PDB file of all heavy atoms in Angstrom:
ATOM      1  N   GLY A   1      99.902  25.791  90.952  1.00  0.00           N
ATOM      2  CA  GLY A   1      99.233  26.278  92.147  1.00  0.00           C
ATOM      3  C   GLY A   1      99.937  27.489  92.716  1.00  0.00           C
ATOM      4  O   GLY A   1     100.908  28.002  92.146  1.00  0.00           O
ATOM      5  N   ARG A   2      99.449  27.935  93.866  1.00  0.00           N
ATOM      6  CA  ARG A   2     100.010  29.120  94.520  1.00  0.00           C
ATOM      7  C   ARG A   2     100.845  28.718  95.728  1.00  0.00           C
ATOM      8  O   ARG A   2     100.496  27.784  96.451  1.00  0.00           O
ATOM      9  CB  ARG A   2      98.887  30.056  94.957  1.00  0.00           C
ATOM     10  CG  ARG A   2      98.133  30.612  93.773  1.00  0.00           C
ATOM     11  CD  ARG A   2      97.335  31.847  94.135  1.00  0.00           C
ATOM     12  NE  ARG A   2      96.627  32.346  92.953  1.00  0.00           N
ATOM     13  CZ  ARG A   2      97.140  33.204  92.088  1.00  0.00           C
ATOM     14  NH1 ARG A   2      98.358  33.658  92.254  1.00  0.00           N
ATOM     15  NH2 ARG A   2      96.437  33.605  91.046  1.00  0.00           N
ATOM     16  N   LEU A   3     101.944  29.455  95.935  1.00  0.00           N
ATOM     17  CA  LEU A   3     102.788  29.229  97.100  1.00  0.00           C
ATOM     18  C   LEU A   3     102.045  29.686  98.351  1.00  0.00           C
ATOM     19  O   LEU A   3     101.535  30.799  98.406  1.00  0.00           O
ATOM     20  CB  LEU A   3     104.097  30.009  96.977  1.00  0.00           C
ATOM     21  CG  LEU A   3     105.059  29.535  95.890  1.00  0.00           C
ATOM     22  CD1 LEU A   3     106.196  30.531  95.736  1.00  0.00           C
ATOM     23  CD2 LEU A   3     105.596  28.159  96.219  1.00  0.00           C
ATOM     24  N   THR A   4     101.974  28.835  99.365  1.00  0.00           N
ATOM     25  CA  THR A   4     101.267  29.184 100.593  1.00  0.00           C
ATOM     26  C   THR A   4     102.126  30.019 101.535  1.00  0.00           C
ATOM     27  O   THR A   4     101.612  30.626 102.470  1.00  0.00           O
ATOM     28  CB  THR A   4     100.802  27.924 101.339  1.00  0.00           C
ATOM     29  OG1 THR A   4     101.947  27.142 101.686  1.00  0.00           O
ATOM     30  CG2 THR A   4      99.854  27.107 100.472  1.00  0.00           C
ATOM     31  N   ARG A   5     103.432  30.026 101.320  1.00  0.00           N
ATOM     32  CA  ARG A   5     104.374  30.834 102.102  1.00  0.00           C
ATOM     33  C   ARG A   5     105.643  30.990 101.281  1.00  0.00           C
ATOM     34  O   ARG A   5     105.806  30.332 100.250  1.00  0.00           O
ATOM     35  CB  ARG A   5     104.669  30.194 103.452  1.00  0.00           C
ATOM     36  CG  ARG A   5     105.230  28.783 103.362  1.00  0.00           C
ATOM     37  CD  ARG A   5     105.404  28.170 104.756  1.00  0.00           C
ATOM     38  NE  ARG A   5     105.602  26.748 104.695  1.00  0.00           N
ATOM     39  CZ  ARG A   5     106.778  26.153 104.494  1.00  0.00           C
ATOM     40  NH1 ARG A   5     107.871  26.866 104.359  1.00  0.00           N
ATOM     41  NH2 ARG A   5     106.866  24.842 104.437  1.00  0.00           N
ATOM     42  N   ASP A   6     106.533  31.856 101.725  1.00  0.00           N
ATOM     43  CA  ASP A   6     107.806  32.016 101.022  1.00  0.00           C
ATOM     44  C   ASP A   6     108.587  30.706 101.052  1.00  0.00           C
ATOM     45  O   ASP A   6     108.493  29.930 102.014  1.00  0.00           O
ATOM     46  CB  ASP A   6     108.648  33.122 101.657  1.00  0.00           C
ATOM     47  CG  ASP A   6     108.128  34.509 101.331  1.00  0.00           C
ATOM     48  OD1 ASP A   6     107.338  34.645 100.373  1.00  0.00           O
ATOM     49  OD2 ASP A   6     108.518  35.454 102.034  1.00  0.00           O
ATOM     50  N   VAL A   7     109.366  30.480 100.020  1.00  0.00           N
ATOM     51  CA  VAL A   7     110.179  29.271  99.903  1.00  0.00           C
ATOM     52  C   VAL A   7     111.273  29.289 100.976  1.00  0.00           C
ATOM     53  O   VAL A   7     111.901  30.320 101.217  1.00  0.00           O
ATOM     54  CB  VAL A   7     110.823  29.186  98.500  1.00  0.00           C
ATOM     55  CG1 VAL A   7     111.765  28.002  98.400  1.00  0.00           C
ATOM     56  CG2 VAL A   7     109.735  29.110  97.438  1.00  0.00           C
ATOM     57  N   GLU A   8     111.476  28.154 101.633  1.00  0.00           N
ATOM     58  CA  GLU A   8     112.532  28.035 102.641  1.00  0.00           C
ATOM     59  C   GLU A   8     113.756  27.402 101.982  1.00  0.00           C
ATOM     60  O   GLU A   8     113.704  26.250 101.540  1.00  0.00           O
ATOM     61  CB  GLU A   8     112.057  27.170 103.803  1.00  0.00           C
ATOM     62  CG  GLU A   8     113.063  27.034 104.916  1.00  0.00           C
ATOM     63  CD  GLU A   8     112.559  26.166 106.045  1.00  0.00           C
ATOM     64  OE1 GLU A   8     111.341  26.145 106.295  1.00  0.00           O
ATOM     65  OE2 GLU A   8     113.398  25.489 106.671  1.00  0.00           O
ATOM     66  N   LEU A   9     114.836  28.157 101.900  1.00  0.00           N
ATOM     67  CA  LEU A   9     116.072  27.682 101.263  1.00  0.00           C
ATOM     68  C   LEU A   9     117.092  27.336 102.341  1.00  0.00           C
ATOM     69  O   LEU A   9     117.390  28.155 103.213  1.00  0.00           O
ATOM     70  CB  LEU A   9     116.631  28.750 100.332  1.00  0.00           C
ATOM     71  CG  LEU A   9     117.904  28.392  99.575  1.00  0.00           C
ATOM     72  CD1 LEU A   9     117.662  27.233  98.619  1.00  0.00           C
ATOM     73  CD2 LEU A   9     118.429  29.603  98.821  1.00  0.00           C
ATOM     74  N   ARG A  10     117.624  26.130 102.276  1.00  0.00           N
ATOM     75  CA  ARG A  10     118.670  25.675 103.197  1.00  0.00           C
ATOM     76  C   ARG A  10     119.764  25.003 102.387  1.00  0.00           C
ATOM     77  O   ARG A  10     119.593  24.737 101.198  1.00  0.00           O
ATOM     78  CB  ARG A  10     118.098  24.675 104.208  1.00  0.00           C
ATOM     79  CG  ARG A  10     117.127  25.317 105.179  1.00  0.00           C
ATOM     80  CD  ARG A  10     116.521  24.306 106.135  1.00  0.00           C
ATOM     81  NE  ARG A  10     115.530  23.516 105.408  1.00  0.00           N
ATOM     82  CZ  ARG A  10     115.433  22.199 105.437  1.00  0.00           C
ATOM     83  NH1 ARG A  10     116.264  21.484 106.154  1.00  0.00           N
ATOM     84  NH2 ARG A  10     114.512  21.568 104.747  1.00  0.00           N
ATOM     85  N   TYR A  11     120.850  24.700 103.038  1.00  0.00           N
ATOM     86  CA  TYR A  11     121.964  24.020 102.393  1.00  0.00           C
ATOM     87  C   TYR A  11     122.361  22.808 103.223  1.00  0.00           C
ATOM     88  O   TYR A  11     122.376  22.857 104.454  1.00  0.00           O
ATOM     89  CB  TYR A  11     123.166  24.956 102.233  1.00  0.00           C
ATOM     90  CG  TYR A  11     122.926  26.037 101.209  1.00  0.00           C
ATOM     91  CD1 TYR A  11     122.326  27.240 101.567  1.00  0.00           C
ATOM     92  CD2 TYR A  11     123.264  25.847  99.876  1.00  0.00           C
ATOM     93  CE1 TYR A  11     122.078  28.229 100.623  1.00  0.00           C
ATOM     94  CE2 TYR A  11     123.028  26.827  98.927  1.00  0.00           C
ATOM     95  CZ  TYR A  11     122.428  28.013  99.316  1.00  0.00           C
ATOM     96  OH  TYR A  11     122.179  28.984  98.381  1.00  0.00           O
ATOM     97  N   THR A  12     122.692  21.716 102.531  1.00  0.00           N
ATOM     98  CA  THR A  12     123.167  20.510 103.204  1.00  0.00           C
ATOM     99  C   THR A  12     124.598  20.742 103.676  1.00  0.00           C
ATOM    100  O   THR A  12     125.239  21.718 103.254  1.00  0.00           O
ATOM    101  CB  THR A  12     123.138  19.302 102.249  1.00  0.00           C
ATOM    102  OG1 THR A  12     124.080  19.519 101.199  1.00  0.00           O
ATOM    103  CG2 THR A  12     121.738  19.071 101.688  1.00  0.00           C
ATOM    104  N   PRO A  13     125.133  19.858 104.526  1.00  0.00           N
ATOM    105  CA  PRO A  13     126.540  20.009 104.952  1.00  0.00           C
ATOM    106  C   PRO A  13     127.528  20.005 103.783  1.00  0.00           C
ATOM    107  O   PRO A  13     128.607  20.595 103.871  1.00  0.00           O
ATOM    108  CB  PRO A  13     126.764  18.804 105.859  1.00  0.00           C
ATOM    109  CG  PRO A  13     125.404  18.492 106.394  1.00  0.00           C
ATOM    110  CD  PRO A  13     124.454  18.811 105.274  1.00  0.00           C
ATOM    111  N   SER A  14     127.150  19.388 102.673  1.00  0.00           N
ATOM    112  CA  SER A  14     128.016  19.385 101.488  1.00  0.00           C
ATOM    113  C   SER A  14     127.700  20.547 100.547  1.00  0.00           C
ATOM    114  O   SER A  14     128.082  20.531  99.380  1.00  0.00           O
ATOM    115  CB  SER A  14     127.913  18.053 100.751  1.00  0.00           C
ATOM    116  OG  SER A  14     126.581  17.802 100.381  1.00  0.00           O
ATOM    117  N   ASN A  15     126.964  21.557 101.065  1.00  0.00           N
ATOM    118  CA  ASN A  15     126.678  22.802 100.351  1.00  0.00           C
ATOM    119  C   ASN A  15     125.781  22.625  99.123  1.00  0.00           C
ATOM    120  O   ASN A  15     125.950  23.303  98.119  1.00  0.00           O
ATOM    121  CB  ASN A  15     127.977  23.533  99.974  1.00  0.00           C
ATOM    122  CG  ASN A  15     127.754  25.022  99.863  1.00  0.00           C
ATOM    123  OD1 ASN A  15     126.905  25.570 100.558  1.00  0.00           O
ATOM    124  ND2 ASN A  15     128.491  25.661  98.989  1.00  0.00           N
ATOM    125  N   VAL A  16     124.810  21.725  99.208  1.00  0.00           N
ATOM    126  CA  VAL A  16     123.819  21.544  98.151  1.00  0.00           C
ATOM    127  C   VAL A  16     122.543  22.265  98.577  1.00  0.00           C
ATOM    128  O   VAL A  16     122.043  22.055  99.689  1.00  0.00           O
ATOM    129  CB  VAL A  16     123.531  20.043  97.894  1.00  0.00           C
ATOM    130  CG1 VAL A  16     122.428  19.868  96.870  1.00  0.00           C
ATOM    131  CG2 VAL A  16     124.796  19.330  97.456  1.00  0.00           C
ATOM    132  N   ALA A  17     122.010  23.127  97.711  1.00  0.00           N
ATOM    133  CA  ALA A  17     120.804  23.889  98.022  1.00  0.00           C
ATOM    134  C   ALA A  17     119.576  22.995  98.026  1.00  0.00           C
ATOM    135  O   ALA A  17     119.401  22.151  97.144  1.00  0.00           O
ATOM    136  CB  ALA A  17     120.623  25.013  97.012  1.00  0.00           C
ATOM    137  N   VAL A  18     118.704  23.208  99.031  1.00  0.00           N
ATOM    138  CA  VAL A  18     117.445  22.476  99.152  1.00  0.00           C
ATOM    139  C   VAL A  18     116.347  23.480  99.477  1.00  0.00           C
ATOM    140  O   VAL A  18     116.446  24.216 100.459  1.00  0.00           O
ATOM    141  CB  VAL A  18     117.495  21.418 100.274  1.00  0.00           C
ATOM    142  CG1 VAL A  18     116.186  20.652 100.349  1.00  0.00           C
ATOM    143  CG2 VAL A  18     118.659  20.482 100.095  1.00  0.00           C
ATOM    144  N   ALA A  19     115.315  23.527  98.654  1.00  0.00           N
ATOM    145  CA  ALA A  19     114.185  24.419  98.885  1.00  0.00           C
ATOM    146  C   ALA A  19     112.969  23.582  99.250  1.00  0.00           C
ATOM    147  O   ALA A  19     112.683  22.570  98.608  1.00  0.00           O
ATOM    148  CB  ALA A  19     113.890  25.246  97.640  1.00  0.00           C
ATOM    149  N   THR A  20     112.260  23.997 100.286  1.00  0.00           N
ATOM    150  CA  THR A  20     111.006  23.352 100.654  1.00  0.00           C
ATOM    151  C   THR A  20     109.904  24.398 100.568  1.00  0.00           C
ATOM    152  O   THR A  20     110.102  25.557 100.932  1.00  0.00           O
ATOM    153  CB  THR A  20     111.061  22.751 102.071  1.00  0.00           C
ATOM    154  OG1 THR A  20     111.415  23.771 102.995  1.00  0.00           O
ATOM    155  CG2 THR A  20     112.062  21.620 102.147  1.00  0.00           C
ATOM    156  N   PHE A  21     108.746  23.966 100.070  1.00  0.00           N
ATOM    157  CA  PHE A  21     107.622  24.875  99.912  1.00  0.00           C
ATOM    158  C   PHE A  21     106.323  24.082  99.830  1.00  0.00           C
ATOM    159  O   PHE A  21     106.334  22.878  99.592  1.00  0.00           O
ATOM    160  CB  PHE A  21     107.795  25.755  98.668  1.00  0.00           C
ATOM    161  CG  PHE A  21     107.940  25.008  97.377  1.00  0.00           C
ATOM    162  CD1 PHE A  21     106.860  24.834  96.530  1.00  0.00           C
ATOM    163  CD2 PHE A  21     109.167  24.472  96.987  1.00  0.00           C
ATOM    164  CE1 PHE A  21     106.992  24.156  95.333  1.00  0.00           C
ATOM    165  CE2 PHE A  21     109.306  23.788  95.794  1.00  0.00           C
ATOM    166  CZ  PHE A  21     108.216  23.627  94.962  1.00  0.00           C
ATOM    167  N   ASN A  22     105.222  24.779 100.075  1.00  0.00           N
ATOM    168  CA  ASN A  22     103.895  24.183  99.964  1.00  0.00           C
ATOM    169  C   ASN A  22     103.167  24.836  98.807  1.00  0.00           C
ATOM    170  O   ASN A  22     103.235  26.056  98.630  1.00  0.00           O
ATOM    171  CB  ASN A  22     103.095  24.390 101.249  1.00  0.00           C
ATOM    172  CG  ASN A  22     103.649  23.590 102.391  1.00  0.00           C
ATOM    173  OD1 ASN A  22     104.193  22.519 102.188  1.00  0.00           O
ATOM    174  ND2 ASN A  22     103.520  24.106 103.590  1.00  0.00           N
ATOM    175  N   LEU A  23     102.454  24.022  98.057  1.00  0.00           N
ATOM    176  CA  LEU A  23     101.722  24.498  96.895  1.00  0.00           C
ATOM    177  C   LEU A  23     100.235  24.201  97.091  1.00  0.00           C
ATOM    178  O   LEU A  23      99.856  23.067  97.385  1.00  0.00           O
ATOM    179  CB  LEU A  23     102.241  23.768  95.653  1.00  0.00           C
ATOM    180  CG  LEU A  23     102.092  24.414  94.307  1.00  0.00           C
ATOM    181  CD1 LEU A  23     102.744  25.777  94.271  1.00  0.00           C
ATOM    182  CD2 LEU A  23     102.684  23.522  93.238  1.00  0.00           C
ATOM    183  N   ALA A  24      99.399  25.241  96.974  1.00  0.00           N
ATOM    184  CA  ALA A  24      97.946  25.075  97.053  1.00  0.00           C
ATOM    185  C   ALA A  24      97.414  24.896  95.638  1.00  0.00           C
ATOM    186  O   ALA A  24      97.505  25.799  94.815  1.00  0.00           O
ATOM    187  CB  ALA A  24      97.307  26.293  97.711  1.00  0.00           C
ATOM    188  N   VAL A  25      96.873  23.719  95.352  1.00  0.00           N
ATOM    189  CA  VAL A  25      96.390  23.378  94.015  1.00  0.00           C
ATOM    190  C   VAL A  25      94.870  23.235  94.073  1.00  0.00           C
ATOM    191  O   VAL A  25      94.345  22.387  94.807  1.00  0.00           O
ATOM    192  CB  VAL A  25      97.035  22.063  93.521  1.00  0.00           C
ATOM    193  CG1 VAL A  25      96.508  21.703  92.148  1.00  0.00           C
ATOM    194  CG2 VAL A  25      98.553  22.173  93.516  1.00  0.00           C
ATOM    195  N   ASN A  26      94.150  24.083  93.327  1.00  0.00           N
ATOM    196  CA  ASN A  26      92.689  24.034  93.309  1.00  0.00           C
ATOM    197  C   ASN A  26      92.199  22.760  92.653  1.00  0.00           C
ATOM    198  O   ASN A  26      92.783  22.271  91.681  1.00  0.00           O
ATOM    199  CB  ASN A  26      92.110  25.228  92.556  1.00  0.00           C
ATOM    200  CG  ASN A  26      92.143  26.491  93.362  1.00  0.00           C
ATOM    201  OD1 ASN A  26      92.174  26.458  94.587  1.00  0.00           O
ATOM    202  ND2 ASN A  26      92.139  27.615  92.681  1.00  0.00           N
ATOM    203  N   ARG A  27      91.100  22.241  93.178  1.00  0.00           N
ATOM    204  CA  ARG A  27      90.440  21.093  92.559  1.00  0.00           C
ATOM    205  C   ARG A  27      89.588  21.585  91.400  1.00  0.00           C
ATOM    206  O   ARG A  27      89.218  22.751  91.330  1.00  0.00           O
ATOM    207  CB  ARG A  27      89.574  20.377  93.585  1.00  0.00           C
ATOM    208  CG  ARG A  27      90.415  19.746  94.683  1.00  0.00           C
ATOM    209  CD  ARG A  27      89.579  18.931  95.613  1.00  0.00           C
ATOM    210  NE  ARG A  27      90.436  18.303  96.611  1.00  0.00           N
ATOM    211  CZ  ARG A  27      89.971  17.593  97.610  1.00  0.00           C
ATOM    212  NH1 ARG A  27      88.673  17.412  97.753  1.00  0.00           N
ATOM    213  NH2 ARG A  27      90.802  17.056  98.468  1.00  0.00           N
ATOM    214  N   ASN A  28      89.252  20.696  90.476  1.00  0.00           N
ATOM    215  CA  ASN A  28      88.504  21.059  89.272  1.00  0.00           C
ATOM    216  C   ASN A  28      87.012  21.229  89.515  1.00  0.00           C
ATOM    217  O   ASN A  28      86.280  21.625  88.615  1.00  0.00           O
ATOM    218  CB  ASN A  28      88.708  20.009  88.180  1.00  0.00           C
ATOM    219  CG  ASN A  28      90.112  20.035  87.629  1.00  0.00           C
ATOM    220  OD1 ASN A  28      90.787  21.047  87.683  1.00  0.00           O
ATOM    221  ND2 ASN A  28      90.551  18.903  87.103  1.00  0.00           N
ATOM    222  N   PHE A  29      86.534  20.914  90.697  1.00  0.00           N
ATOM    223  CA  PHE A  29      85.099  20.957  90.967  1.00  0.00           C
ATOM    224  C   PHE A  29      84.847  21.716  92.266  1.00  0.00           C
ATOM    225  O   PHE A  29      85.756  21.968  93.040  1.00  0.00           O
ATOM    226  CB  PHE A  29      84.530  19.542  91.061  1.00  0.00           C
ATOM    227  CG  PHE A  29      85.266  18.684  92.056  1.00  0.00           C
ATOM    228  CD1 PHE A  29      84.881  18.664  93.390  1.00  0.00           C
ATOM    229  CD2 PHE A  29      86.338  17.908  91.660  1.00  0.00           C
ATOM    230  CE1 PHE A  29      85.569  17.880  94.306  1.00  0.00           C
ATOM    231  CE2 PHE A  29      87.031  17.122  92.578  1.00  0.00           C
ATOM    232  CZ  PHE A  29      86.640  17.105  93.910  1.00  0.00           C
ATOM    233  N   LYS A  30      83.589  22.072  92.500  1.00  0.00           N
ATOM    234  CA  LYS A  30      83.200  22.780  93.717  1.00  0.00           C
ATOM    235  C   LYS A  30      82.533  21.803  94.677  1.00  0.00           C
ATOM    236  O   LYS A  30      81.934  20.800  94.256  1.00  0.00           O
ATOM    237  CB  LYS A  30      82.260  23.926  93.378  1.00  0.00           C
ATOM    238  CG  LYS A  30      82.925  24.992  92.525  1.00  0.00           C
ATOM    239  CD  LYS A  30      81.980  26.105  92.190  1.00  0.00           C
ATOM    240  CE  LYS A  30      82.691  27.139  91.326  1.00  0.00           C
ATOM    241  NZ  LYS A  30      81.797  28.237  90.937  1.00  0.00           N
ATOM    242  N   ASN A  31      82.591  22.109  95.979  1.00  0.00           N
ATOM    243  CA  ASN A  31      81.968  21.241  96.974  1.00  0.00           C
ATOM    244  C   ASN A  31      80.459  21.509  97.037  1.00  0.00           C
ATOM    245  O   ASN A  31      79.923  22.292  96.251  1.00  0.00           O
ATOM    246  CB  ASN A  31      82.637  21.407  98.343  1.00  0.00           C
ATOM    247  CG  ASN A  31      82.479  22.798  98.915  1.00  0.00           C
ATOM    248  OD1 ASN A  31      81.670  23.599  98.468  1.00  0.00           O
ATOM    249  ND2 ASN A  31      83.279  23.102  99.926  1.00  0.00           N
ATOM    250  N   GLN A  32      79.774  20.892  97.985  1.00  0.00           N
ATOM    251  CA  GLN A  32      78.322  21.027  98.080  1.00  0.00           C
ATOM    252  C   GLN A  32      77.880  22.457  98.384  1.00  0.00           C
ATOM    253  O   GLN A  32      76.760  22.843  98.061  1.00  0.00           O
ATOM    254  CB  GLN A  32      77.779  20.087  99.159  1.00  0.00           C
ATOM    255  CG  GLN A  32      77.911  18.626  98.790  1.00  0.00           C
ATOM    256  CD  GLN A  32      77.435  17.714  99.893  1.00  0.00           C
ATOM    257  OE1 GLN A  32      77.244  18.136 101.020  1.00  0.00           O
ATOM    258  NE2 GLN A  32      77.254  16.435  99.559  1.00  0.00           N
ATOM    259  N   ASP A  33      78.742  23.250  99.001  1.00  0.00           N
ATOM    260  CA  ASP A  33      78.439  24.642  99.318  1.00  0.00           C
ATOM    261  C   ASP A  33      78.752  25.582  98.163  1.00  0.00           C
ATOM    262  O   ASP A  33      78.604  26.793  98.285  1.00  0.00           O
ATOM    263  CB  ASP A  33      79.209  25.087 100.555  1.00  0.00           C
ATOM    264  CG  ASP A  33      78.860  24.266 101.788  1.00  0.00           C
ATOM    265  OD1 ASP A  33      77.685  23.853 101.897  1.00  0.00           O
ATOM    266  OD2 ASP A  33      79.752  24.047 102.625  1.00  0.00           O
ATOM    267  N   GLY A  34      79.245  25.041  97.053  1.00  0.00           N
ATOM    268  CA  GLY A  34      79.572  25.850  95.889  1.00  0.00           C
ATOM    269  C   GLY A  34      80.937  26.511  95.965  1.00  0.00           C
ATOM    270  O   GLY A  34      81.237  27.399  95.173  1.00  0.00           O
TER     271      GLY A  34
END
């Protein structure tokens, strides 16, 4: 899918990297409006 915003990178107190992000994943079908 596509990233909805830039990845947010943070570090824990023990200096471990943690990235949070949102992914937009298209469904395989179209809705009633096409």
